Amino acid sequence: MLLKKEGFPEEDELVMCTVTKVQFHSVFVNLDEYNKGGMIHISEVSPGRIRNIRDFVKETKKVVCKVLRINSDRGHIDLSLRRVTDGQRRKKVDELKQQQKSEKILEFVARDLKLDGKKFFLDVSKTVLEKYDSLYDFFQSVVTEDVIKDAKLDAKTEKVLEEAIKSRIKEVSVNIEGKLKLTSYDGEGIEVVKEALKKAEAKGMNSVSIKYLGAGTYGISVEAKDYKQAEKIVKDATEAAIDHVSKHDGSGEFVRAES
């Protein structure tokens, strides 16, 4: 990665690390995004008793860790490997893959225009990150909106960059899933639930997928262009269903799946 973050990470932040040294009771790593060292105590490597720490980590291995504590005066960063969920790990890996893809696009543009690759990357990053969370976030916006001017480049470079982005970045969507449990003691309980599900689908604007899981429980899946929109759709859809059964001697509950 060309872009290194300044200072120290925040507590609870997820960071990609490279294992540099494994000892009997601790693991030393380098925080790739910050170029700083950190340590994982054996108790934070994995739940339960660990007989051999090398069964879990080895030198050069890439691991996603959670920041536990920071002592900036001493330069100490304590990390945890076991407190990172599978979903969090996948999300962090995806973010870094997106960053690498963004770097490749800028590298291509710089080579095409015979520019200094590293300088071009840093200049564009500095400008774009004033407004966007990441380069990839900006690139996604370029695909769907007329925002290429936010990079503040000359017309020729702007055109080449926009073409490179649109040829390599596809419009993406996000997905939220969960379980919706509906119960009705009305004489026409089955029809009440069916109507409740229809109301949920209607609120979903063709973005809601519902399947029967058994015992009055339904799998709900919502797909949208971003999490903000997906959150609204799932809220409106599940509340419409629960509200309907509640009015017909029933109740409902939505439990979102862990990411």
C-alpha atoms as a PDB file:
ATOM      1  CA  MET A   1       0.000   0.000   0.000  1.00  0.00           C
ATOM      2  CA  LEU A   2       1.265   3.450  -0.915  1.00  0.00           C
ATOM      3  CA  LEU A   3      -0.949   5.383   1.485  1.00  0.00           C
ATOM      4  CA  LYS A   4       0.148   5.241   5.131  1.00  0.00           C
ATOM      5  CA  LYS A   5      -1.974   6.702   7.891  1.00  0.00           C
ATOM      6  CA  GLU A   6      -0.377   9.205  10.242  1.00  0.00           C
ATOM      7  CA  GLY A   7      -0.220   8.967  14.021  1.00  0.00           C
ATOM      8  CA  PHE A   8      -1.742   6.072  15.955  1.00  0.00           C
ATOM      9  CA  PRO A   9      -4.906   4.052  15.302  1.00  0.00           C
ATOM     10  CA  GLU A  10      -7.970   4.486  17.503  1.00  0.00           C
ATOM     11  CA  GLU A  11      -8.946   2.007  20.207  1.00  0.00           C
ATOM     12  CA  ASP A  12     -11.317  -0.672  18.806  1.00  0.00           C
ATOM     13  CA  GLU A  13     -10.128   0.087  15.264  1.00  0.00           C
ATOM     14  CA  LEU A  14      -9.543  -2.904  13.006  1.00  0.00           C
ATOM     15  CA  VAL A  15      -6.071  -3.011  11.466  1.00  0.00           C
ATOM     16  CA  MET A  16      -4.311  -5.305   9.032  1.00  0.00           C
ATOM     17  CA  CYS A  17      -1.056  -6.599  10.471  1.00  0.00           C
ATOM     18  CA  THR A  18       1.932  -8.661   9.370  1.00  0.00           C
ATOM     19  CA  VAL A  19       3.375 -11.051  11.962  1.00  0.00           C
ATOM     20  CA  THR A  20       7.074 -10.273  12.481  1.00  0.00           C
ATOM     21  CA  LYS A  21       7.999 -12.386  15.522  1.00  0.00           C
ATOM     22  CA  VAL A  22       6.335 -15.179  17.491  1.00  0.00           C
ATOM     23  CA  GLN A  23       7.368 -15.813  21.096  1.00  0.00           C
ATOM     24  CA  PHE A  24       6.087 -18.222  23.747  1.00  0.00           C
ATOM     25  CA  HIS A  25       3.595 -15.764  25.286  1.00  0.00           C
ATOM     26  CA  SER A  26       3.274 -13.003  22.687  1.00  0.00           C
ATOM     27  CA  VAL A  27       3.161 -12.154  19.006  1.00  0.00           C
ATOM     28  CA  PHE A  28       4.792  -9.063  17.519  1.00  0.00           C
ATOM     29  CA  VAL A  29       3.335  -7.530  14.377  1.00  0.00           C
ATOM     30  CA  ASN A  30       3.652  -4.552  12.074  1.00  0.00           C
ATOM     31  CA  LEU A  31       0.490  -2.501  11.471  1.00  0.00           C
ATOM     32  CA  ASP A  32       0.574  -2.318   7.677  1.00  0.00           C
ATOM     33  CA  GLU A  33      -1.520   0.843   7.346  1.00  0.00           C
ATOM     34  CA  TYR A  34       0.426   2.783   9.979  1.00  0.00           C
ATOM     35  CA  ASN A  35       3.896   1.252   9.646  1.00  0.00           C
ATOM     36  CA  LYS A  36       4.049   0.857  13.435  1.00  0.00           C
ATOM     37  CA  GLY A  37       4.682  -2.130  15.652  1.00  0.00           C
ATOM     38  CA  GLY A  38       2.188  -3.797  17.957  1.00  0.00           C
ATOM     39  CA  MET A  39       1.863  -6.803  20.241  1.00  0.00           C
ATOM     40  CA  ILE A  40      -0.730  -9.554  20.724  1.00  0.00           C
ATOM     41  CA  HIS A  41      -0.594 -11.284  24.115  1.00  0.00           C
ATOM     42  CA  ILE A  42      -1.193 -15.036  23.966  1.00  0.00           C
ATOM     43  CA  SER A  43      -4.523 -14.554  25.797  1.00  0.00           C
ATOM     44  CA  GLU A  44      -5.718 -12.415  22.857  1.00  0.00           C
ATOM     45  CA  VAL A  45      -4.703 -14.847  20.113  1.00  0.00           C
ATOM     46  CA  SER A  46      -7.587 -17.306  20.451  1.00  0.00           C
ATOM     47  CA  PRO A  47     -10.309 -18.257  22.978  1.00  0.00           C
ATOM     48  CA  GLY A  48      -9.485 -21.154  25.263  1.00  0.00           C
ATOM     49  CA  ARG A  49      -6.205 -22.752  26.167  1.00  0.00           C
ATOM     50  CA  ILE A  50      -3.382 -22.502  23.646  1.00  0.00           C
ATOM     51  CA  ARG A  51      -0.789 -25.278  23.720  1.00  0.00           C
ATOM     52  CA  ASN A  52       1.284 -24.001  20.818  1.00  0.00           C
ATOM     53  CA  ILE A  53       0.898 -20.396  19.701  1.00  0.00           C
ATOM     54  CA  ARG A  54       2.363 -21.293  16.300  1.00  0.00           C
ATOM     55  CA  ASP A  55      -0.763 -23.302  15.548  1.00  0.00           C
ATOM     56  CA  PHE A  56      -2.473 -19.925  15.107  1.00  0.00           C
ATOM     57  CA  VAL A  57       0.189 -17.505  13.850  1.00  0.00           C
ATOM     58  CA  LYS A  58       3.486 -17.654  11.992  1.00  0.00           C
ATOM     59  CA  GLU A  59       5.979 -15.062  10.810  1.00  0.00           C
ATOM     60  CA  THR A  60       4.890 -13.135   7.658  1.00  0.00           C
ATOM     61  CA  LYS A  61       1.237 -14.153   8.118  1.00  0.00           C
ATOM     62  CA  LYS A  62      -1.343 -11.400   7.536  1.00  0.00           C
ATOM     63  CA  VAL A  63      -3.898 -11.039  10.336  1.00  0.00           C
ATOM     64  CA  VAL A  64      -6.733  -8.598  11.081  1.00  0.00           C
ATOM     65  CA  CYS A  65      -6.571  -7.354  14.670  1.00  0.00           C
ATOM     66  CA  LYS A  66      -8.580  -5.092  16.956  1.00  0.00           C
ATOM     67  CA  VAL A  67      -6.757  -2.303  18.783  1.00  0.00           C
ATOM     68  CA  LEU A  68      -7.180  -2.741  22.549  1.00  0.00           C
ATOM     69  CA  ARG A  69      -4.918  -0.127  24.137  1.00  0.00           C
ATOM     70  CA  ILE A  70      -2.484   2.545  23.011  1.00  0.00           C
ATOM     71  CA  ASN A  71       0.367   4.163  24.895  1.00  0.00           C
ATOM     72  CA  SER A  72       1.509   6.845  22.473  1.00  0.00           C
ATOM     73  CA  ASP A  73       4.270   8.041  24.847  1.00  0.00           C
ATOM     74  CA  ARG A  74       5.922   4.631  24.828  1.00  0.00           C
ATOM     75  CA  GLY A  75       4.773   3.753  21.329  1.00  0.00           C
ATOM     76  CA  HIS A  76       3.000   0.611  22.569  1.00  0.00           C
ATOM     77  CA  ILE A  77      -0.030  -0.783  20.767  1.00  0.00           C
ATOM     78  CA  ASP A  78      -1.824  -3.783  22.306  1.00  0.00           C
ATOM     79  CA  LEU A  79      -3.901  -5.825  19.886  1.00  0.00           C
ATOM     80  CA  SER A  80      -6.372  -8.700  19.865  1.00  0.00           C
ATOM     81  CA  LEU A  81      -6.798 -11.376  17.243  1.00  0.00           C
ATOM     82  CA  ARG A  82      -9.542 -13.365  18.978  1.00  0.00           C
ATOM     83  CA  ARG A  83     -11.941 -10.408  19.310  1.00  0.00           C
ATOM     84  CA  VAL A  84     -12.287  -9.980  15.551  1.00  0.00           C
ATOM     85  CA  THR A  85     -15.388 -11.672  14.102  1.00  0.00           C
ATOM     86  CA  ASP A  86     -15.404 -13.420  10.732  1.00  0.00           C
ATOM     87  CA  GLY A  87     -17.626 -10.662   9.344  1.00  0.00           C
ATOM     88  CA  GLN A  88     -15.285  -7.925  10.545  1.00  0.00           C
ATOM     89  CA  ARG A  89     -12.314  -9.779   9.099  1.00  0.00           C
ATOM     90  CA  ARG A  90     -13.948 -10.129   5.692  1.00  0.00           C
ATOM     91  CA  LYS A  91     -14.964  -6.470   5.675  1.00  0.00           C
ATOM     92  CA  LYS A  92     -11.437  -5.308   6.501  1.00  0.00           C
ATOM     93  CA  VAL A  93      -9.898  -7.536   3.846  1.00  0.00           C
ATOM     94  CA  ASP A  94     -12.412  -6.219   1.297  1.00  0.00           C
ATOM     95  CA  GLU A  95     -11.543  -2.615   2.207  1.00  0.00           C
ATOM     96  CA  LEU A  96      -7.843  -3.266   1.630  1.00  0.00           C
ATOM     97  CA  LYS A  97      -8.554  -5.006  -1.671  1.00  0.00           C
ATOM     98  CA  GLN A  98     -10.519  -1.924  -2.725  1.00  0.00           C
ATOM     99  CA  GLN A  99      -7.598   0.298  -1.727  1.00  0.00           C
ATOM    100  CA  GLN A 100      -5.211  -1.821  -3.770  1.00  0.00           C
ATOM    101  CA  LYS A 101      -7.563  -1.678  -6.747  1.00  0.00           C
ATOM    102  CA  SER A 102      -7.705   2.113  -6.426  1.00  0.00           C
ATOM    103  CA  GLU A 103      -3.916   2.286  -6.381  1.00  0.00           C
ATOM    104  CA  LYS A 104      -3.742   0.160  -9.532  1.00  0.00           C
ATOM    105  CA  ILE A 105      -6.126   2.503 -11.353  1.00  0.00           C
ATOM    106  CA  LEU A 106      -4.068   5.565 -10.448  1.00  0.00           C
ATOM    107  CA  GLU A 107      -0.891   3.701 -11.379  1.00  0.00           C
ATOM    108  CA  PHE A 108      -2.360   2.965 -14.823  1.00  0.00           C
ATOM    109  CA  VAL A 109      -3.378   6.599 -15.361  1.00  0.00           C
ATOM    110  CA  ALA A 110       0.020   7.879 -14.258  1.00  0.00           C
ATOM    111  CA  ARG A 111       1.790   5.498 -16.618  1.00  0.00           C
ATOM    112  CA  ASP A 112      -0.514   6.434 -19.495  1.00  0.00           C
ATOM    113  CA  LEU A 113       0.137  10.147 -18.951  1.00  0.00           C
ATOM    114  CA  LYS A 114       3.835   9.646 -18.102  1.00  0.00           C
ATOM    115  CA  LEU A 115       3.449  11.071 -14.594  1.00  0.00           C
ATOM    116  CA  ASP A 116       5.330  10.217 -11.414  1.00  0.00           C
ATOM    117  CA  GLY A 117       3.154   7.391 -10.080  1.00  0.00           C
ATOM    118  CA  LYS A 118       3.707   7.881  -6.357  1.00  0.00           C
ATOM    119  CA  LYS A 119       3.361  11.677  -6.520  1.00  0.00           C
ATOM    120  CA  PHE A 120       0.176  11.381  -8.592  1.00  0.00           C
ATOM    121  CA  PHE A 121      -1.288   8.902  -6.110  1.00  0.00           C
ATOM    122  CA  LEU A 122      -0.478  11.074  -3.098  1.00  0.00           C
ATOM    123  CA  ASP A 123      -1.739  14.277  -4.762  1.00  0.00           C
ATOM    124  CA  VAL A 124      -5.070  12.720  -5.776  1.00  0.00           C
ATOM    125  CA  SER A 125      -5.473  11.028  -2.391  1.00  0.00           C
ATOM    126  CA  LYS A 126      -4.854  14.250  -0.488  1.00  0.00           C
ATOM    127  CA  THR A 127      -7.539  16.070  -2.465  1.00  0.00           C
ATOM    128  CA  VAL A 128     -10.129  13.297  -2.575  1.00  0.00           C
ATOM    129  CA  LEU A 129      -9.863  12.298   1.098  1.00  0.00           C
ATOM    130  CA  GLU A 130     -10.883  15.786   2.168  1.00  0.00           C
ATOM    131  CA  LYS A 131     -14.398  14.887   1.042  1.00  0.00           C
ATOM    132  CA  TYR A 132     -14.595  11.077   0.745  1.00  0.00           C
ATOM    133  CA  ASP A 133     -13.905   8.257   3.183  1.00  0.00           C
ATOM    134  CA  SER A 134     -11.579   6.507   0.754  1.00  0.00           C
ATOM    135  CA  LEU A 135     -10.360   6.575  -2.831  1.00  0.00           C
ATOM    136  CA  TYR A 136     -12.642   3.656  -3.622  1.00  0.00           C
ATOM    137  CA  ASP A 137     -15.598   5.538  -2.177  1.00  0.00           C
ATOM    138  CA  PHE A 138     -14.797   8.396  -4.557  1.00  0.00           C
ATOM    139  CA  PHE A 139     -14.365   6.021  -7.492  1.00  0.00           C
ATOM    140  CA  GLN A 140     -17.767   4.459  -6.807  1.00  0.00           C
ATOM    141  CA  SER A 141     -19.327   7.919  -6.789  1.00  0.00           C
ATOM    142  CA  VAL A 142     -17.678   8.668 -10.143  1.00  0.00           C
ATOM    143  CA  VAL A 143     -19.393   5.596 -11.611  1.00  0.00           C
ATOM    144  CA  THR A 144     -22.875   6.794 -10.652  1.00  0.00           C
ATOM    145  CA  GLU A 145     -22.538  10.586 -10.377  1.00  0.00           C
ATOM    146  CA  ASP A 146     -20.849  13.494 -12.129  1.00  0.00           C
ATOM    147  CA  VAL A 147     -18.219  14.111  -9.427  1.00  0.00           C
ATOM    148  CA  ILE A 148     -14.895  13.599 -11.219  1.00  0.00           C
ATOM    149  CA  LYS A 149     -14.148  17.314 -10.747  1.00  0.00           C
ATOM    150  CA  ASP A 150     -13.776  16.666  -7.014  1.00  0.00           C
ATOM    151  CA  ALA A 151     -10.310  15.311  -7.821  1.00  0.00           C
ATOM    152  CA  LYS A 152      -9.330  18.823  -9.017  1.00  0.00           C
ATOM    153  CA  LEU A 153      -7.281  17.707 -12.003  1.00  0.00           C
ATOM    154  CA  ASP A 154      -6.637  19.278 -15.375  1.00  0.00           C
ATOM    155  CA  ALA A 155      -9.115  18.413 -18.133  1.00  0.00           C
ATOM    156  CA  LYS A 156      -6.918  15.814 -19.862  1.00  0.00           C
ATOM    157  CA  THR A 157      -6.015  13.939 -16.665  1.00  0.00           C
ATOM    158  CA  GLU A 158      -9.601  14.161 -15.480  1.00  0.00           C
ATOM    159  CA  LYS A 159     -10.878  12.527 -18.665  1.00  0.00           C
ATOM    160  CA  VAL A 160      -8.330   9.692 -18.592  1.00  0.00           C
ATOM    161  CA  LEU A 161      -8.998   9.014 -14.910  1.00  0.00           C
ATOM    162  CA  GLU A 162     -12.778   8.987 -15.351  1.00  0.00           C
ATOM    163  CA  GLU A 163     -12.529   6.535 -18.253  1.00  0.00           C
ATOM    164  CA  ALA A 164     -10.187   4.288 -16.248  1.00  0.00           C
ATOM    165  CA  ILE A 165     -12.521   4.294 -13.242  1.00  0.00           C
ATOM    166  CA  LYS A 166     -15.657   3.538 -15.249  1.00  0.00           C
ATOM    167  CA  SER A 167     -13.976   0.682 -17.100  1.00  0.00           C
ATOM    168  CA  ARG A 168     -12.686  -0.961 -13.904  1.00  0.00           C
ATOM    169  CA  ILE A 169     -15.197  -0.128 -11.161  1.00  0.00           C
ATOM    170  CA  LYS A 170     -18.692  -1.539 -11.340  1.00  0.00           C
ATOM    171  CA  GLU A 171     -21.687  -0.176  -9.472  1.00  0.00           C
ATOM    172  CA  VAL A 172     -22.013  -2.197  -6.296  1.00  0.00           C
ATOM    173  CA  SER A 173     -24.798  -2.977  -3.883  1.00  0.00           C
ATOM    174  CA  VAL A 174     -24.997  -3.935  -0.217  1.00  0.00           C
ATOM    175  CA  ASN A 175     -27.099  -6.596   1.435  1.00  0.00           C
ATOM    176  CA  ILE A 176     -28.773  -6.815   4.854  1.00  0.00           C
ATOM    177  CA  GLU A 177     -30.274 -10.091   6.057  1.00  0.00           C
ATOM    178  CA  GLY A 178     -32.222 -11.204   9.093  1.00  0.00           C
ATOM    179  CA  LYS A 179     -35.085 -13.298  10.431  1.00  0.00           C
ATOM    180  CA  LEU A 180     -38.651 -12.045  10.797  1.00  0.00           C
ATOM    181  CA  LYS A 181     -40.889 -14.019  13.160  1.00  0.00           C
ATOM    182  CA  LEU A 182     -44.629 -13.396  12.803  1.00  0.00           C
ATOM    183  CA  THR A 183     -47.437 -14.824  14.940  1.00  0.00           C
ATOM    184  CA  SER A 184     -51.182 -14.217  14.779  1.00  0.00           C
ATOM    185  CA  TYR A 185     -53.931 -15.809  16.893  1.00  0.00           C
ATOM    186  CA  ASP A 186     -56.650 -14.332  14.716  1.00  0.00           C
ATOM    187  CA  GLY A 187     -59.160 -16.805  13.268  1.00  0.00           C
ATOM    188  CA  GLU A 188     -57.655 -16.067   9.867  1.00  0.00           C
ATOM    189  CA  GLY A 189     -54.086 -16.092  11.174  1.00  0.00           C
ATOM    190  CA  ILE A 190     -52.539 -17.597   8.038  1.00  0.00           C
ATOM    191  CA  GLU A 191     -54.103 -14.947   5.826  1.00  0.00           C
ATOM    192  CA  VAL A 192     -53.025 -12.220   8.267  1.00  0.00           C
ATOM    193  CA  VAL A 193     -49.393 -13.321   8.007  1.00  0.00           C
ATOM    194  CA  LYS A 194     -49.608 -13.576   4.216  1.00  0.00           C
ATOM    195  CA  GLU A 195     -50.940 -10.025   4.056  1.00  0.00           C
ATOM    196  CA  ALA A 196     -48.215  -8.848   6.443  1.00  0.00           C
ATOM    197  CA  LEU A 197     -45.553 -10.278   4.133  1.00  0.00           C
ATOM    198  CA  LYS A 198     -47.160  -8.579   1.136  1.00  0.00           C
ATOM    199  CA  LYS A 199     -46.979  -5.271   2.975  1.00  0.00           C
ATOM    200  CA  ALA A 200     -43.307  -5.880   3.719  1.00  0.00           C
ATOM    201  CA  GLU A 201     -42.585  -6.582   0.054  1.00  0.00           C
ATOM    202  CA  ALA A 202     -44.536  -3.485  -1.000  1.00  0.00           C
ATOM    203  CA  LYS A 203     -42.439  -1.301   1.304  1.00  0.00           C
ATOM    204  CA  GLY A 204     -39.325  -2.883  -0.126  1.00  0.00           C
ATOM    205  CA  MET A 205     -39.739  -1.378  -3.587  1.00  0.00           C
ATOM    206  CA  ASN A 206     -38.630  -4.648  -5.269  1.00  0.00           C
ATOM    207  CA  SER A 207     -35.530  -4.743  -3.031  1.00  0.00           C
ATOM    208  CA  VAL A 208     -36.894  -7.219  -0.463  1.00  0.00           C
ATOM    209  CA  SER A 209     -36.605 -10.980  -0.787  1.00  0.00           C
ATOM    210  CA  ILE A 210     -38.593 -13.165   1.637  1.00  0.00           C
ATOM    211  CA  LYS A 211     -38.422 -16.934   2.129  1.00  0.00           C
ATOM    212  CA  TYR A 212     -40.132 -19.233   4.632  1.00  0.00           C
ATOM    213  CA  LEU A 213     -37.740 -20.832   7.133  1.00  0.00           C
ATOM    214  CA  GLY A 214     -40.277 -22.697   9.274  1.00  0.00           C
ATOM    215  CA  ALA A 215     -42.119 -22.227  12.582  1.00  0.00           C
ATOM    216  CA  GLY A 216     -43.503 -18.833  11.607  1.00  0.00           C
ATOM    217  CA  THR A 217     -40.045 -17.494  10.766  1.00  0.00           C
ATOM    218  CA  TYR A 218     -39.097 -15.851   7.477  1.00  0.00           C
ATOM    219  CA  GLY A 219     -35.731 -14.971   6.044  1.00  0.00           C
ATOM    220  CA  ILE A 220     -35.552 -11.329   4.956  1.00  0.00           C
ATOM    221  CA  SER A 221     -32.901 -10.089   2.528  1.00  0.00           C
ATOM    222  CA  VAL A 222     -32.641  -6.474   1.386  1.00  0.00           C
ATOM    223  CA  GLU A 223     -30.347  -5.247  -1.373  1.00  0.00           C
ATOM    224  CA  ALA A 224     -29.639  -1.571  -2.016  1.00  0.00           C
ATOM    225  CA  LYS A 225     -26.939   0.740  -3.368  1.00  0.00           C
ATOM    226  CA  ASP A 226     -25.682   1.673   0.106  1.00  0.00           C
ATOM    227  CA  TYR A 227     -26.215   0.783   3.760  1.00  0.00           C
ATOM    228  CA  LYS A 228     -28.207   3.923   4.524  1.00  0.00           C
ATOM    229  CA  GLN A 229     -30.817   3.014   1.926  1.00  0.00           C
ATOM    230  CA  ALA A 230     -30.754  -0.679   2.878  1.00  0.00           C
ATOM    231  CA  GLU A 231     -31.280   0.155   6.558  1.00  0.00           C
ATOM    232  CA  LYS A 232     -34.328   2.286   5.727  1.00  0.00           C
ATOM    233  CA  ILE A 233     -35.871  -0.362   3.496  1.00  0.00           C
ATOM    234  CA  VAL A 234     -35.455  -3.176   6.025  1.00  0.00           C
ATOM    235  CA  LYS A 235     -36.851  -0.950   8.794  1.00  0.00           C
ATOM    236  CA  ASP A 236     -39.898   0.092   6.770  1.00  0.00           C
ATOM    237  CA  ALA A 237     -40.567  -3.436   5.491  1.00  0.00           C
ATOM    238  CA  THR A 238     -40.306  -5.260   8.817  1.00  0.00           C
ATOM    239  CA  GLU A 239     -42.241  -2.583  10.711  1.00  0.00           C
ATOM    240  CA  ALA A 240     -45.070  -2.789   8.144  1.00  0.00           C
ATOM    241  CA  ALA A 241     -45.321  -6.557   8.623  1.00  0.00           C
ATOM    242  CA  ILE A 242     -45.136  -6.426  12.418  1.00  0.00           C
ATOM    243  CA  ASP A 243     -47.640  -3.584  12.589  1.00  0.00           C
ATOM    244  CA  HIS A 244     -50.133  -5.572  10.497  1.00  0.00           C
ATOM    245  CA  VAL A 245     -50.021  -8.742  12.618  1.00  0.00           C
ATOM    246  CA  SER A 246     -50.109  -6.633  15.815  1.00  0.00           C
ATOM    247  CA  LYS A 247     -53.460  -5.242  14.701  1.00  0.00           C
ATOM    248  CA  HIS A 248     -54.780  -8.797  14.260  1.00  0.00           C
ATOM    249  CA  ASP A 249     -54.110 -10.378  17.636  1.00  0.00           C
ATOM    250  CA  GLY A 250     -50.497 -11.127  16.893  1.00  0.00           C
ATOM    251  CA  SER A 251     -46.901 -10.060  17.340  1.00  0.00           C
ATOM    252  CA  GLY A 252     -43.652  -9.974  15.433  1.00  0.00           C
ATOM    253  CA  GLU A 253     -39.921  -9.584  15.851  1.00  0.00           C
ATOM    254  CA  PHE A 254     -37.050  -8.909  13.452  1.00  0.00           C
ATOM    255  CA  VAL A 255     -33.521 -10.072  14.295  1.00  0.00           C
ATOM    256  CA  ARG A 256     -30.783  -8.872  12.006  1.00  0.00           C
ATOM    257  CA  ALA A 257     -28.091 -11.362  11.003  1.00  0.00           C
ATOM    258  CA  GLU A 258     -24.580 -10.630  12.236  1.00  0.00           C
ATOM    259  CA  SER A 259     -22.318  -9.184   9.534  1.00  0.00           C
END
